[in-house]
PDB file of N, CA and C in Angstrom:
ATOM      1  N   MET A   1      88.343  88.488  95.912  1.00  0.00           N
ATOM      2  CA  MET A   1      88.461  88.123  97.335  1.00  0.00           C
ATOM      3  C   MET A   1      87.228  87.359  97.756  1.00  0.00           C
ATOM      4  N   SER A   2      87.419  86.149  98.080  1.00  0.00           N
ATOM      5  CA  SER A   2      86.294  85.338  98.504  1.00  0.00           C
ATOM      6  C   SER A   2      86.634  84.528  99.756  1.00  0.00           C
ATOM      7  N   GLY A   3      85.704  83.706 100.214  1.00  0.00           N
ATOM      8  CA  GLY A   3      86.021  82.843 101.324  1.00  0.00           C
ATOM      9  C   GLY A   3      86.145  83.599 102.632  1.00  0.00           C
ATOM     10  N   GLY A   4      85.489  84.735 102.778  1.00  0.00           N
ATOM     11  CA  GLY A   4      85.525  85.493 104.063  1.00  0.00           C
ATOM     12  C   GLY A   4      86.709  86.331 104.239  1.00  0.00           C
ATOM     13  N   LYS A   5      87.520  86.526 103.222  1.00  0.00           N
ATOM     14  CA  LYS A   5      88.679  87.432 103.346  1.00  0.00           C
ATOM     15  C   LYS A   5      88.195  88.859 103.437  1.00  0.00           C
ATOM     16  N   TYR A   6      88.801  89.616 104.355  1.00  0.00           N
ATOM     17  CA  TYR A   6      88.457  90.998 104.504  1.00  0.00           C
ATOM     18  C   TYR A   6      89.465  91.873 103.740  1.00  0.00           C
ATOM     19  N   PHE A   7      90.717  91.412 103.694  1.00  0.00           N
ATOM     20  CA  PHE A   7      91.690  92.161 102.981  1.00  0.00           C
ATOM     21  C   PHE A   7      92.874  91.236 102.573  1.00  0.00           C
ATOM     22  N   SER A   8      93.678  91.663 101.623  1.00  0.00           N
ATOM     23  CA  SER A   8      94.901  91.026 101.202  1.00  0.00           C
ATOM     24  C   SER A   8      96.051  91.987 101.345  1.00  0.00           C
ATOM     25  N   PHE A   9      97.242  91.497 101.551  1.00  0.00           N
ATOM     26  CA  PHE A   9      98.409  92.302 101.847  1.00  0.00           C
ATOM     27  C   PHE A   9      99.569  91.744 101.086  1.00  0.00           C
ATOM     28  N   ILE A  10     100.362  92.620 100.418  1.00  0.00           N
ATOM     29  CA  ILE A  10     101.581  92.197  99.747  1.00  0.00           C
ATOM     30  C   ILE A  10     102.705  93.185 100.142  1.00  0.00           C
ATOM     31  N   ALA A  11     103.810  92.646 100.587  1.00  0.00           N
ATOM     32  CA  ALA A  11     105.012  93.439 100.855  1.00  0.00           C
ATOM     33  C   ALA A  11     105.723  93.576  99.522  1.00  0.00           C
ATOM     34  N   LEU A  12     105.953  94.881  99.123  1.00  0.00           N
ATOM     35  CA  LEU A  12     106.622  95.136  97.849  1.00  0.00           C
ATOM     36  C   LEU A  12     108.075  95.614  98.046  1.00  0.00           C
ATOM     37  N   GLY A  13     108.490  95.699  99.251  1.00  0.00           N
ATOM     38  CA  GLY A  13     109.876  96.164  99.504  1.00  0.00           C
ATOM     39  C   GLY A  13     110.227  95.833 100.953  1.00  0.00           C
ATOM     40  N   GLY A  14     111.435  96.249 101.299  1.00  0.00           N
ATOM     41  CA  GLY A  14     111.883  96.078 102.650  1.00  0.00           C
ATOM     42  C   GLY A  14     112.428  94.722 102.976  1.00  0.00           C
ATOM     43  N   GLU A  15     112.559  93.851 102.022  1.00  0.00           N
ATOM     44  CA  GLU A  15     113.053  92.477 102.255  1.00  0.00           C
ATOM     45  C   GLU A  15     114.562  92.429 101.996  1.00  0.00           C
ATOM     46  N   ASN A  16     115.252  91.612 102.795  1.00  0.00           N
ATOM     47  CA  ASN A  16     116.637  91.283 102.625  1.00  0.00           C
ATOM     48  C   ASN A  16     117.588  92.489 102.646  1.00  0.00           C
ATOM     49  N   ASN A  17     117.158  93.668 102.947  1.00  0.00           N
ATOM     50  CA  ASN A  17     118.022  94.832 103.031  1.00  0.00           C
ATOM     51  C   ASN A  17     117.269  95.987 103.721  1.00  0.00           C
ATOM     52  N   VAL A  18     117.981  97.036 103.976  1.00  0.00           N
ATOM     53  CA  VAL A  18     117.383  98.208 104.604  1.00  0.00           C
ATOM     54  C   VAL A  18     116.752  99.124 103.559  1.00  0.00           C
ATOM     55  N   GLY A  19     115.581  99.574 103.821  1.00  0.00           N
ATOM     56  CA  GLY A  19     114.944 100.508 102.920  1.00  0.00           C
ATOM     57  C   GLY A  19     113.946  99.888 101.963  1.00  0.00           C
ATOM     58  N   GLY A  20     113.377 100.714 101.120  1.00  0.00           N
ATOM     59  CA  GLY A  20     112.411 100.263 100.133  1.00  0.00           C
ATOM     60  C   GLY A  20     111.058  99.903 100.703  1.00  0.00           C
ATOM     61  N   SER A  21     110.682 100.536 101.789  1.00  0.00           N
ATOM     62  CA  SER A  21     109.377 100.210 102.409  1.00  0.00           C
ATOM     63  C   SER A  21     108.235 100.493 101.447  1.00  0.00           C
ATOM     64  N   CYS A  22     107.451  99.532 101.158  1.00  0.00           N
ATOM     65  CA  CYS A  22     106.271  99.716 100.339  1.00  0.00           C
ATOM     66  C   CYS A  22     105.368  98.508 100.503  1.00  0.00           C
ATOM     67  N   TYR A  23     104.128  98.793 100.898  1.00  0.00           N
ATOM     68  CA  TYR A  23     103.207  97.694 101.182  1.00  0.00           C
ATOM     69  C   TYR A  23     101.882  97.982 100.506  1.00  0.00           C
ATOM     70  N   ALA A  24     101.242  96.915  99.981  1.00  0.00           N
ATOM     71  CA  ALA A  24      99.957  97.062  99.292  1.00  0.00           C
ATOM     72  C   ALA A  24      98.874  96.356 100.112  1.00  0.00           C
ATOM     73  N   LEU A  25      97.761  97.033 100.261  1.00  0.00           N
ATOM     74  CA  LEU A  25      96.624  96.455 100.969  1.00  0.00           C
ATOM     75  C   LEU A  25      95.415  96.539 100.010  1.00  0.00           C
ATOM     76  N   ARG A  26      94.798  95.395  99.856  1.00  0.00           N
ATOM     77  CA  ARG A  26      93.596  95.365  98.988  1.00  0.00           C
ATOM     78  C   ARG A  26      92.378  95.003  99.860  1.00  0.00           C
ATOM     79  N   ALA A  27      91.362  95.796  99.810  1.00  0.00           N
ATOM     80  CA  ALA A  27      90.090  95.540 100.522  1.00  0.00           C
ATOM     81  C   ALA A  27      88.992  95.657  99.471  1.00  0.00           C
ATOM     82  N   GLY A  28      88.382  94.566  99.170  1.00  0.00           N
ATOM     83  CA  GLY A  28      87.434  94.569  98.078  1.00  0.00           C
ATOM     84  C   GLY A  28      88.128  94.871  96.751  1.00  0.00           C
ATOM     85  N   LYS A  29      87.659  95.866  96.045  1.00  0.00           N
ATOM     86  CA  LYS A  29      88.282  96.285  94.799  1.00  0.00           C
ATOM     87  C   LYS A  29      89.322  97.419  94.992  1.00  0.00           C
ATOM     88  N   ASN A  30      89.448  97.902  96.256  1.00  0.00           N
ATOM     89  CA  ASN A  30      90.286  99.042  96.537  1.00  0.00           C
ATOM     90  C   ASN A  30      91.735  98.583  96.888  1.00  0.00           C
ATOM     91  N   ILE A  31      92.679  99.286  96.253  1.00  0.00           N
ATOM     92  CA  ILE A  31      94.107  99.011  96.534  1.00  0.00           C
ATOM     93  C   ILE A  31      94.736 100.277  97.094  1.00  0.00           C
ATOM     94  N   ILE A  32      95.373 100.161  98.251  1.00  0.00           N
ATOM     95  CA  ILE A  32      96.032 101.264  98.885  1.00  0.00           C
ATOM     96  C   ILE A  32      97.468 100.859  99.095  1.00  0.00           C
ATOM     97  N   LEU A  33      98.408 101.764  98.756  1.00  0.00           N
ATOM     98  CA  LEU A  33      99.811 101.544  99.033  1.00  0.00           C
ATOM     99  C   LEU A  33     100.195 102.342 100.252  1.00  0.00           C
ATOM    100  N   LEU A  34     100.986 101.776 101.102  1.00  0.00           N
ATOM    101  CA  LEU A  34     101.572 102.447 102.253  1.00  0.00           C
ATOM    102  C   LEU A  34     103.095 102.560 101.985  1.00  0.00           C
ATOM    103  N   ASP A  35     103.527 103.783 101.816  1.00  0.00           N
ATOM    104  CA  ASP A  35     104.924 104.160 101.595  1.00  0.00           C
ATOM    105  C   ASP A  35     105.415 103.798 100.192  1.00  0.00           C
ATOM    106  N   ALA A  36     106.438 104.547  99.780  1.00  0.00           N
ATOM    107  CA  ALA A  36     107.048 104.372  98.467  1.00  0.00           C
ATOM    108  C   ALA A  36     108.519 104.691  98.685  1.00  0.00           C
ATOM    109  N   GLY A  37     109.249 103.809  99.351  1.00  0.00           N
ATOM    110  CA  GLY A  37     110.620 104.082  99.696  1.00  0.00           C
ATOM    111  C   GLY A  37     111.656 103.531  98.743  1.00  0.00           C
ATOM    112  N   VAL A  38     112.844 104.058  98.841  1.00  0.00           N
ATOM    113  CA  VAL A  38     113.978 103.462  98.039  1.00  0.00           C
ATOM    114  C   VAL A  38     114.848 102.614  98.957  1.00  0.00           C
ATOM    115  N   ARG A  39     115.499 101.647  98.358  1.00  0.00           N
ATOM    116  CA  ARG A  39     116.462 100.788  99.072  1.00  0.00           C
ATOM    117  C   ARG A  39     117.797 101.516  99.089  1.00  0.00           C
ATOM    118  N   TYR A  40     118.552 101.257 100.098  1.00  0.00           N
ATOM    119  CA  TYR A  40     119.920 101.838 100.226  1.00  0.00           C
ATOM    120  C   TYR A  40     120.875 100.846  99.572  1.00  0.00           C
ATOM    121  N   THR A  41     120.950 100.940  98.234  1.00  0.00           N
ATOM    122  CA  THR A  41     121.841 100.058  97.438  1.00  0.00           C
ATOM    123  C   THR A  41     122.437 100.892  96.329  1.00  0.00           C
ATOM    124  N   ALA A  42     123.606 100.483  95.910  1.00  0.00           N
ATOM    125  CA  ALA A  42     124.280 101.198  94.814  1.00  0.00           C
ATOM    126  C   ALA A  42     123.666 100.849  93.461  1.00  0.00           C
ATOM    127  N   ASP A  43     122.988  99.735  93.326  1.00  0.00           N
ATOM    128  CA  ASP A  43     122.407  99.276  92.104  1.00  0.00           C
ATOM    129  C   ASP A  43     121.096 100.054  91.872  1.00  0.00           C
ATOM    130  N   LEU A  44     121.100 100.957  90.948  1.00  0.00           N
ATOM    131  CA  LEU A  44     119.946 101.803  90.681  1.00  0.00           C
ATOM    132  C   LEU A  44     118.703 101.002  90.246  1.00  0.00           C
ATOM    133  N   LEU A  45     118.908  99.884  89.621  1.00  0.00           N
ATOM    134  CA  LEU A  45     117.811  99.067  89.113  1.00  0.00           C
ATOM    135  C   LEU A  45     117.043  98.367  90.220  1.00  0.00           C
ATOM    136  N   THR A  46     117.673  98.213  91.413  1.00  0.00           N
ATOM    137  CA  THR A  46     116.967  97.549  92.495  1.00  0.00           C
ATOM    138  C   THR A  46     116.575  98.550  93.623  1.00  0.00           C
ATOM    139  N   ARG A  47     116.692  99.804  93.386  1.00  0.00           N
ATOM    140  CA  ARG A  47     116.394 100.752  94.447  1.00  0.00           C
ATOM    141  C   ARG A  47     114.880 100.949  94.690  1.00  0.00           C
ATOM    142  N   LEU A  48     114.103 100.855  93.628  1.00  0.00           N
ATOM    143  CA  LEU A  48     112.639 101.068  93.719  1.00  0.00           C
ATOM    144  C   LEU A  48     111.930  99.827  94.195  1.00  0.00           C
ATOM    145  N   PRO A  49     110.796  99.963  94.854  1.00  0.00           N
ATOM    146  CA  PRO A  49     110.007  98.773  95.247  1.00  0.00           C
ATOM    147  C   PRO A  49     109.607  97.980  94.021  1.00  0.00           C
ATOM    148  N   ASP A  50     109.501  96.708  94.202  1.00  0.00           N
ATOM    149  CA  ASP A  50     109.148  95.783  93.082  1.00  0.00           C
ATOM    150  C   ASP A  50     107.620  95.690  93.026  1.00  0.00           C
ATOM    151  N   THR A  51     106.991  96.321  92.071  1.00  0.00           N
ATOM    152  CA  THR A  51     105.551  96.328  91.963  1.00  0.00           C
ATOM    153  C   THR A  51     104.983  95.151  91.142  1.00  0.00           C
ATOM    154  N   ARG A  52     105.840  94.300  90.659  1.00  0.00           N
ATOM    155  CA  ARG A  52     105.355  93.171  89.839  1.00  0.00           C
ATOM    156  C   ARG A  52     104.271  92.327  90.527  1.00  0.00           C
ATOM    157  N   PRO A  53     104.303  92.104  91.797  1.00  0.00           N
ATOM    158  CA  PRO A  53     103.217  91.321  92.423  1.00  0.00           C
ATOM    159  C   PRO A  53     101.832  91.952  92.249  1.00  0.00           C
ATOM    160  N   LEU A  54     101.783  93.279  92.153  1.00  0.00           N
ATOM    161  CA  LEU A  54     100.467  93.915  91.907  1.00  0.00           C
ATOM    162  C   LEU A  54      99.918  93.503  90.546  1.00  0.00           C
ATOM    163  N   TYR A  55     100.770  93.372  89.579  1.00  0.00           N
ATOM    164  CA  TYR A  55     100.356  92.956  88.232  1.00  0.00           C
ATOM    165  C   TYR A  55     100.088  91.469  88.216  1.00  0.00           C
ATOM    166  N   ASP A  56     101.033  90.702  88.747  1.00  0.00           N
ATOM    167  CA  ASP A  56     100.986  89.229  88.680  1.00  0.00           C
ATOM    168  C   ASP A  56      99.918  88.638  89.585  1.00  0.00           C
ATOM    169  N   THR A  57      99.765  89.118  90.762  1.00  0.00           N
ATOM    170  CA  THR A  57      98.845  88.523  91.771  1.00  0.00           C
ATOM    171  C   THR A  57      97.440  89.167  91.729  1.00  0.00           C
ATOM    172  N   TRP A  58      97.412  90.506  91.620  1.00  0.00           N
ATOM    173  CA  TRP A  58      96.115  91.174  91.661  1.00  0.00           C
ATOM    174  C   TRP A  58      95.636  91.560  90.281  1.00  0.00           C
ATOM    175  N   GLY A  59      96.458  91.440  89.259  1.00  0.00           N
ATOM    176  CA  GLY A  59      96.011  91.699  87.896  1.00  0.00           C
ATOM    177  C   GLY A  59      95.798  93.125  87.544  1.00  0.00           C
ATOM    178  N   ILE A  60      96.479  94.106  88.221  1.00  0.00           N
ATOM    179  CA  ILE A  60      96.328  95.469  87.807  1.00  0.00           C
ATOM    180  C   ILE A  60      96.963  95.682  86.417  1.00  0.00           C
ATOM    181  N   GLU A  61      96.536  96.688  85.725  1.00  0.00           N
ATOM    182  CA  GLU A  61      97.110  96.997  84.410  1.00  0.00           C
ATOM    183  C   GLU A  61      98.158  98.090  84.486  1.00  0.00           C
ATOM    184  N   SER A  62      98.026  98.964  85.481  1.00  0.00           N
ATOM    185  CA  SER A  62      99.009 100.055  85.687  1.00  0.00           C
ATOM    186  C   SER A  62      98.822 100.560  87.095  1.00  0.00           C
ATOM    187  N   LEU A  63      99.712 101.418  87.548  1.00  0.00           N
ATOM    188  CA  LEU A  63      99.587 101.988  88.862  1.00  0.00           C
ATOM    189  C   LEU A  63      98.396 102.952  88.983  1.00  0.00           C
ATOM    190  N   MET A  64      97.789 103.281  87.827  1.00  0.00           N
ATOM    191  CA  MET A  64      96.569 104.010  87.834  1.00  0.00           C
ATOM    192  C   MET A  64      95.438 103.274  88.490  1.00  0.00           C
ATOM    193  N   ASP A  65      95.578 101.917  88.591  1.00  0.00           N
ATOM    194  CA  ASP A  65      94.592 101.089  89.229  1.00  0.00           C
ATOM    195  C   ASP A  65      94.683 101.141  90.763  1.00  0.00           C
ATOM    196  N   VAL A  66      95.751 101.738  91.285  1.00  0.00           N
ATOM    197  CA  VAL A  66      95.918 101.946  92.720  1.00  0.00           C
ATOM    198  C   VAL A  66      95.003 103.093  93.126  1.00  0.00           C
ATOM    199  N   ASP A  67      94.288 102.923  94.189  1.00  0.00           N
ATOM    200  CA  ASP A  67      93.293 103.962  94.625  1.00  0.00           C
ATOM    201  C   ASP A  67      93.939 105.061  95.447  1.00  0.00           C
ATOM    202  N   ALA A  68      94.997 104.771  96.197  1.00  0.00           N
ATOM    203  CA  ALA A  68      95.608 105.784  97.061  1.00  0.00           C
ATOM    204  C   ALA A  68      96.975 105.298  97.449  1.00  0.00           C
ATOM    205  N   LEU A  69      97.812 106.321  97.795  1.00  0.00           N
ATOM    206  CA  LEU A  69      99.153 106.128  98.326  1.00  0.00           C
ATOM    207  C   LEU A  69      99.230 106.958  99.582  1.00  0.00           C
ATOM    208  N   VAL A  70      99.605 106.289 100.660  1.00  0.00           N
ATOM    209  CA  VAL A  70      99.773 106.947 101.962  1.00  0.00           C
ATOM    210  C   VAL A  70     101.250 106.920 102.319  1.00  0.00           C
ATOM    211  N   ILE A  71     101.819 108.082 102.542  1.00  0.00           N
ATOM    212  CA  ILE A  71     103.225 108.158 102.968  1.00  0.00           C
ATOM    213  C   ILE A  71     103.277 108.376 104.489  1.00  0.00           C
ATOM    214  N   SER A  72     103.905 107.468 105.161  1.00  0.00           N
ATOM    215  CA  SER A  72     103.942 107.498 106.637  1.00  0.00           C
ATOM    216  C   SER A  72     104.804 108.610 107.181  1.00  0.00           C
ATOM    217  N   HIS A  73     105.986 108.805 106.569  1.00  0.00           N
ATOM    218  CA  HIS A  73     106.882 109.882 107.000  1.00  0.00           C
ATOM    219  C   HIS A  73     107.889 110.161 105.885  1.00  0.00           C
ATOM    220  N   SER A  74     108.735 111.172 106.086  1.00  0.00           N
ATOM    221  CA  SER A  74     109.523 111.703 104.961  1.00  0.00           C
ATOM    222  C   SER A  74     110.859 111.092 104.750  1.00  0.00           C
ATOM    223  N   HIS A  75     111.228 110.075 105.495  1.00  0.00           N
ATOM    224  CA  HIS A  75     112.539 109.443 105.241  1.00  0.00           C
ATOM    225  C   HIS A  75     112.585 108.782 103.853  1.00  0.00           C
ATOM    226  N   ALA A  76     113.763 108.786 103.252  1.00  0.00           N
ATOM    227  CA  ALA A  76     113.930 108.226 101.889  1.00  0.00           C
ATOM    228  C   ALA A  76     113.497 106.796 101.774  1.00  0.00           C
ATOM    229  N   ASP A  77     113.684 105.992 102.816  1.00  0.00           N
ATOM    230  CA  ASP A  77     113.315 104.591 102.720  1.00  0.00           C
ATOM    231  C   ASP A  77     111.807 104.407 102.815  1.00  0.00           C
ATOM    232  N   HIS A  78     111.053 105.502 103.002  1.00  0.00           N
ATOM    233  CA  HIS A  78     109.580 105.465 102.998  1.00  0.00           C
ATOM    234  C   HIS A  78     108.971 106.397 101.940  1.00  0.00           C
ATOM    235  N   ALA A  79     109.734 107.380 101.431  1.00  0.00           N
ATOM    236  CA  ALA A  79     109.175 108.363 100.508  1.00  0.00           C
ATOM    237  C   ALA A  79     110.060 108.608  99.281  1.00  0.00           C
ATOM    238  N   GLY A  80     111.272 108.013  99.224  1.00  0.00           N
ATOM    239  CA  GLY A  80     112.202 108.353  98.182  1.00  0.00           C
ATOM    240  C   GLY A  80     111.756 107.967  96.748  1.00  0.00           C
ATOM    241  N   ALA A  81     110.845 106.982  96.611  1.00  0.00           N
ATOM    242  CA  ALA A  81     110.349 106.602  95.283  1.00  0.00           C
ATOM    243  C   ALA A  81     109.063 107.333  94.919  1.00  0.00           C
ATOM    244  N   LEU A  82     108.706 108.282  95.743  1.00  0.00           N
ATOM    245  CA  LEU A  82     107.472 109.029  95.536  1.00  0.00           C
ATOM    246  C   LEU A  82     107.314 109.616  94.150  1.00  0.00           C
ATOM    247  N   PRO A  83     108.361 110.221  93.574  1.00  0.00           N
ATOM    248  CA  PRO A  83     108.233 110.778  92.176  1.00  0.00           C
ATOM    249  C   PRO A  83     107.825 109.707  91.160  1.00  0.00           C
ATOM    250  N   TYR A  84     108.379 108.487  91.295  1.00  0.00           N
ATOM    251  CA  TYR A  84     108.038 107.395  90.379  1.00  0.00           C
ATOM    252  C   TYR A  84     106.554 107.032  90.556  1.00  0.00           C
ATOM    253  N   PHE A  85     106.132 106.831  91.777  1.00  0.00           N
ATOM    254  CA  PHE A  85     104.777 106.402  92.031  1.00  0.00           C
ATOM    255  C   PHE A  85     103.806 107.524  91.642  1.00  0.00           C
ATOM    256  N   ALA A  86     104.116 108.734  92.054  1.00  0.00           N
ATOM    257  CA  ALA A  86     103.228 109.884  91.744  1.00  0.00           C
ATOM    258  C   ALA A  86     103.007 110.039  90.243  1.00  0.00           C
ATOM    259  N   GLY A  87     104.067 109.902  89.478  1.00  0.00           N
ATOM    260  CA  GLY A  87     103.949 109.989  88.037  1.00  0.00           C
ATOM    261  C   GLY A  87     103.075 108.894  87.475  1.00  0.00           C
ATOM    262  N   ASP A  88     103.338 107.685  87.870  1.00  0.00           N
ATOM    263  CA  ASP A  88     102.576 106.514  87.349  1.00  0.00           C
ATOM    264  C   ASP A  88     101.147 106.476  87.866  1.00  0.00           C
ATOM    265  N   MET A  89     100.880 107.161  88.972  1.00  0.00           N
ATOM    266  CA  MET A  89      99.492 107.203  89.520  1.00  0.00           C
ATOM    267  C   MET A  89      98.751 108.457  89.040  1.00  0.00           C
ATOM    268  N   GLY A  90      99.373 109.237  88.204  1.00  0.00           N
ATOM    269  CA  GLY A  90      98.732 110.438  87.702  1.00  0.00           C
ATOM    270  C   GLY A  90      98.696 111.565  88.710  1.00  0.00           C
ATOM    271  N   GLY A  91      99.540 111.471  89.732  1.00  0.00           N
ATOM    272  CA  GLY A  91      99.600 112.579  90.754  1.00  0.00           C
ATOM    273  C   GLY A  91      98.340 112.735  91.581  1.00  0.00           C
ATOM    274  N   ARG A  92      97.579 111.661  91.726  1.00  0.00           N
ATOM    275  CA  ARG A  92      96.310 111.726  92.464  1.00  0.00           C
ATOM    276  C   ARG A  92      96.293 110.862  93.693  1.00  0.00           C
ATOM    277  N   ASN A  93      95.510 111.224  94.657  1.00  0.00           N
ATOM    278  CA  ASN A  93      95.254 110.454  95.882  1.00  0.00           C
ATOM    279  C   ASN A  93      96.484 110.073  96.622  1.00  0.00           C
ATOM    280  N   ILE A  94      97.352 111.025  96.896  1.00  0.00           N
ATOM    281  CA  ILE A  94      98.550 110.788  97.697  1.00  0.00           C
ATOM    282  C   ILE A  94      98.359 111.564  99.007  1.00  0.00           C
ATOM    283  N   PHE A  95      98.444 110.838 100.106  1.00  0.00           N
ATOM    284  CA  PHE A  95      98.165 111.401 101.421  1.00  0.00           C
ATOM    285  C   PHE A  95      99.328 111.205 102.377  1.00  0.00           C
ATOM    286  N   SER A  96      99.395 112.140 103.342  1.00  0.00           N
ATOM    287  CA  SER A  96     100.376 112.069 104.390  1.00  0.00           C
ATOM    288  C   SER A  96      99.958 112.957 105.534  1.00  0.00           C
ATOM    289  N   SER A  97     100.758 112.968 106.579  1.00  0.00           N
ATOM    290  CA  SER A  97     100.532 113.973 107.614  1.00  0.00           C
ATOM    291  C   SER A  97     100.887 115.330 107.089  1.00  0.00           C
ATOM    292  N   GLU A  98     100.506 116.368 107.788  1.00  0.00           N
ATOM    293  CA  GLU A  98     100.826 117.724 107.379  1.00  0.00           C
ATOM    294  C   GLU A  98     102.310 118.006 107.265  1.00  0.00           C
ATOM    295  N   ALA A  99     103.079 117.338 108.093  1.00  0.00           N
ATOM    296  CA  ALA A  99     104.534 117.584 108.159  1.00  0.00           C
ATOM    297  C   ALA A  99     105.306 117.055 106.972  1.00  0.00           C
ATOM    298  N   VAL A 100     104.804 116.006 106.332  1.00  0.00           N
ATOM    299  CA  VAL A 100     105.611 115.322 105.302  1.00  0.00           C
ATOM    300  C   VAL A 100     105.979 116.251 104.125  1.00  0.00           C
ATOM    301  N   PRO A 101     105.096 116.976 103.473  1.00  0.00           N
ATOM    302  CA  PRO A 101     105.530 117.772 102.351  1.00  0.00           C
ATOM    303  C   PRO A 101     106.606 118.805 102.771  1.00  0.00           C
ATOM    304  N   ASP A 102     106.450 119.446 103.903  1.00  0.00           N
ATOM    305  CA  ASP A 102     107.430 120.406 104.373  1.00  0.00           C
ATOM    306  C   ASP A 102     108.766 119.713 104.645  1.00  0.00           C
ATOM    307  N   MET A 103     108.724 118.568 105.283  1.00  0.00           N
ATOM    308  CA  MET A 103     109.974 117.856 105.617  1.00  0.00           C
ATOM    309  C   MET A 103     110.692 117.416 104.354  1.00  0.00           C
ATOM    310  N   LEU A 104     109.981 117.025 103.320  1.00  0.00           N
ATOM    311  CA  LEU A 104     110.629 116.625 102.067  1.00  0.00           C
ATOM    312  C   LEU A 104     111.338 117.813 101.468  1.00  0.00           C
ATOM    313  N   LEU A 105     110.750 118.975 101.535  1.00  0.00           N
ATOM    314  CA  LEU A 105     111.391 120.200 101.052  1.00  0.00           C
ATOM    315  C   LEU A 105     112.597 120.521 101.893  1.00  0.00           C
ATOM    316  N   ALA A 106     112.471 120.463 103.183  1.00  0.00           N
ATOM    317  CA  ALA A 106     113.580 120.790 104.088  1.00  0.00           C
ATOM    318  C   ALA A 106     114.737 119.855 103.934  1.00  0.00           C
ATOM    319  N   GLN A 107     114.494 118.610 103.619  1.00  0.00           N
ATOM    320  CA  GLN A 107     115.531 117.613 103.436  1.00  0.00           C
ATOM    321  C   GLN A 107     116.151 117.705 102.069  1.00  0.00           C
ATOM    322  N   ASN A 108     115.614 118.548 101.227  1.00  0.00           N
ATOM    323  CA  ASN A 108     116.068 118.672  99.816  1.00  0.00           C
ATOM    324  C   ASN A 108     116.023 117.296  99.166  1.00  0.00           C
ATOM    325  N   SER A 109     114.958 116.555  99.490  1.00  0.00           N
ATOM    326  CA  SER A 109     114.758 115.194  98.967  1.00  0.00           C
ATOM    327  C   SER A 109     114.328 115.279  97.508  1.00  0.00           C
ATOM    328  N   ILE A 110     114.660 114.215  96.724  1.00  0.00           N
ATOM    329  CA  ILE A 110     114.162 114.158  95.360  1.00  0.00           C
ATOM    330  C   ILE A 110     112.656 114.086  95.382  1.00  0.00           C
ATOM    331  N   ALA A 111     112.082 113.531  96.428  1.00  0.00           N
ATOM    332  CA  ALA A 111     110.612 113.471  96.535  1.00  0.00           C
ATOM    333  C   ALA A 111     110.023 114.861  96.718  1.00  0.00           C
ATOM    334  N   ALA A 112     110.785 115.835  97.082  1.00  0.00           N
ATOM    335  CA  ALA A 112     110.266 117.214  97.206  1.00  0.00           C
ATOM    336  C   ALA A 112     109.716 117.715  95.865  1.00  0.00           C
ATOM    337  N   SER A 113     110.214 117.119  94.756  1.00  0.00           N
ATOM    338  CA  SER A 113     109.726 117.570  93.461  1.00  0.00           C
ATOM    339  C   SER A 113     108.237 117.285  93.221  1.00  0.00           C
ATOM    340  N   VAL A 114     107.666 116.415  94.034  1.00  0.00           N
ATOM    341  CA  VAL A 114     106.229 116.112  93.906  1.00  0.00           C
ATOM    342  C   VAL A 114     105.492 116.381  95.212  1.00  0.00           C
ATOM    343  N   SER A 115     106.123 117.148  96.137  1.00  0.00           N
ATOM    344  CA  SER A 115     105.485 117.397  97.435  1.00  0.00           C
ATOM    345  C   SER A 115     104.185 118.131  97.259  1.00  0.00           C
ATOM    346  N   ASP A 116     103.986 118.894  96.199  1.00  0.00           N
ATOM    347  CA  ASP A 116     102.758 119.627  96.008  1.00  0.00           C
ATOM    348  C   ASP A 116     101.600 118.711  95.563  1.00  0.00           C
ATOM    349  N   MET A 117     101.907 117.459  95.263  1.00  0.00           N
ATOM    350  CA  MET A 117     100.835 116.502  94.882  1.00  0.00           C
ATOM    351  C   MET A 117     100.289 115.770  96.101  1.00  0.00           C
ATOM    352  N   ILE A 118     100.887 115.978  97.277  1.00  0.00           N
ATOM    353  CA  ILE A 118     100.478 115.295  98.467  1.00  0.00           C
ATOM    354  C   ILE A 118      99.315 116.099  99.141  1.00  0.00           C
ATOM    355  N   ALA A 119      98.270 115.407  99.500  1.00  0.00           N
ATOM    356  CA  ALA A 119      97.197 115.987 100.241  1.00  0.00           C
ATOM    357  C   ALA A 119      97.471 115.773 101.731  1.00  0.00           C
ATOM    358  N   PRO A 120      97.904 116.825 102.405  1.00  0.00           N
ATOM    359  CA  PRO A 120      98.224 116.659 103.827  1.00  0.00           C
ATOM    360  C   PRO A 120      96.963 116.531 104.705  1.00  0.00           C
ATOM    361  N   VAL A 121      97.035 115.598 105.652  1.00  0.00           N
ATOM    362  CA  VAL A 121      95.944 115.339 106.557  1.00  0.00           C
ATOM    363  C   VAL A 121      96.379 115.768 107.959  1.00  0.00           C
ATOM    364  N   PRO A 122      95.560 116.623 108.617  1.00  0.00           N
ATOM    365  CA  PRO A 122      95.964 117.109 109.953  1.00  0.00           C
ATOM    366  C   PRO A 122      95.968 115.933 110.912  1.00  0.00           C
ATOM    367  N   TRP A 123      96.746 116.097 111.996  1.00  0.00           N
ATOM    368  CA  TRP A 123      96.837 115.072 113.023  1.00  0.00           C
ATOM    369  C   TRP A 123      95.430 114.812 113.525  1.00  0.00           C
ATOM    370  N   GLY A 124      95.061 113.517 113.604  1.00  0.00           N
ATOM    371  CA  GLY A 124      93.745 113.141 114.048  1.00  0.00           C
ATOM    372  C   GLY A 124      92.648 113.302 113.017  1.00  0.00           C
ATOM    373  N   GLY A 125      93.030 113.820 111.844  1.00  0.00           N
ATOM    374  CA  GLY A 125      92.050 113.991 110.759  1.00  0.00           C
ATOM    375  C   GLY A 125      91.784 112.701 110.050  1.00  0.00           C
ATOM    376  N   GLU A 126      90.821 112.704 109.222  1.00  0.00           N
ATOM    377  CA  GLU A 126      90.364 111.507 108.487  1.00  0.00           C
ATOM    378  C   GLU A 126      90.215 111.807 107.017  1.00  0.00           C
ATOM    379  N   VAL A 127      90.547 110.866 106.179  1.00  0.00           N
ATOM    380  CA  VAL A 127      90.347 110.973 104.771  1.00  0.00           C
ATOM    381  C   VAL A 127      89.421 109.874 104.368  1.00  0.00           C
ATOM    382  N   SER A 128      88.322 110.189 103.754  1.00  0.00           N
ATOM    383  CA  SER A 128      87.383 109.187 103.217  1.00  0.00           C
ATOM    384  C   SER A 128      87.468 109.272 101.709  1.00  0.00           C
ATOM    385  N   HIS A 129      87.657 108.137 101.131  1.00  0.00           N
ATOM    386  CA  HIS A 129      87.830 108.101  99.637  1.00  0.00           C
ATOM    387  C   HIS A 129      87.041 106.966  99.106  1.00  0.00           C
TER     388      HIS A 129
END
């Protein structure tokens, strides 16, 4: 990142249909993902966010190069792909509000299978990483 850029942003989902919210923010060498949702489509191959731009544009080698994943809330279009991302990120540095892990369990979401990997942040709290 040069030329006075403070950050770069790539939308990895949410285009042309409902669901699949996933956004990547790069500040310096740090990459943070916001949400890991699934698309509401019958085609299982297109349900997950398309992470290819992270590899093609930013040159990552794996999702282990992502520094953190922040889940905004527990709806499937924002958290449904969490098991995929959590596995590929080594189950580390996943953050949400305190309500998200409990809501995933209450919704009997597939993402509930990895709810114990989420570090809940209290309302108004801060995570420094």
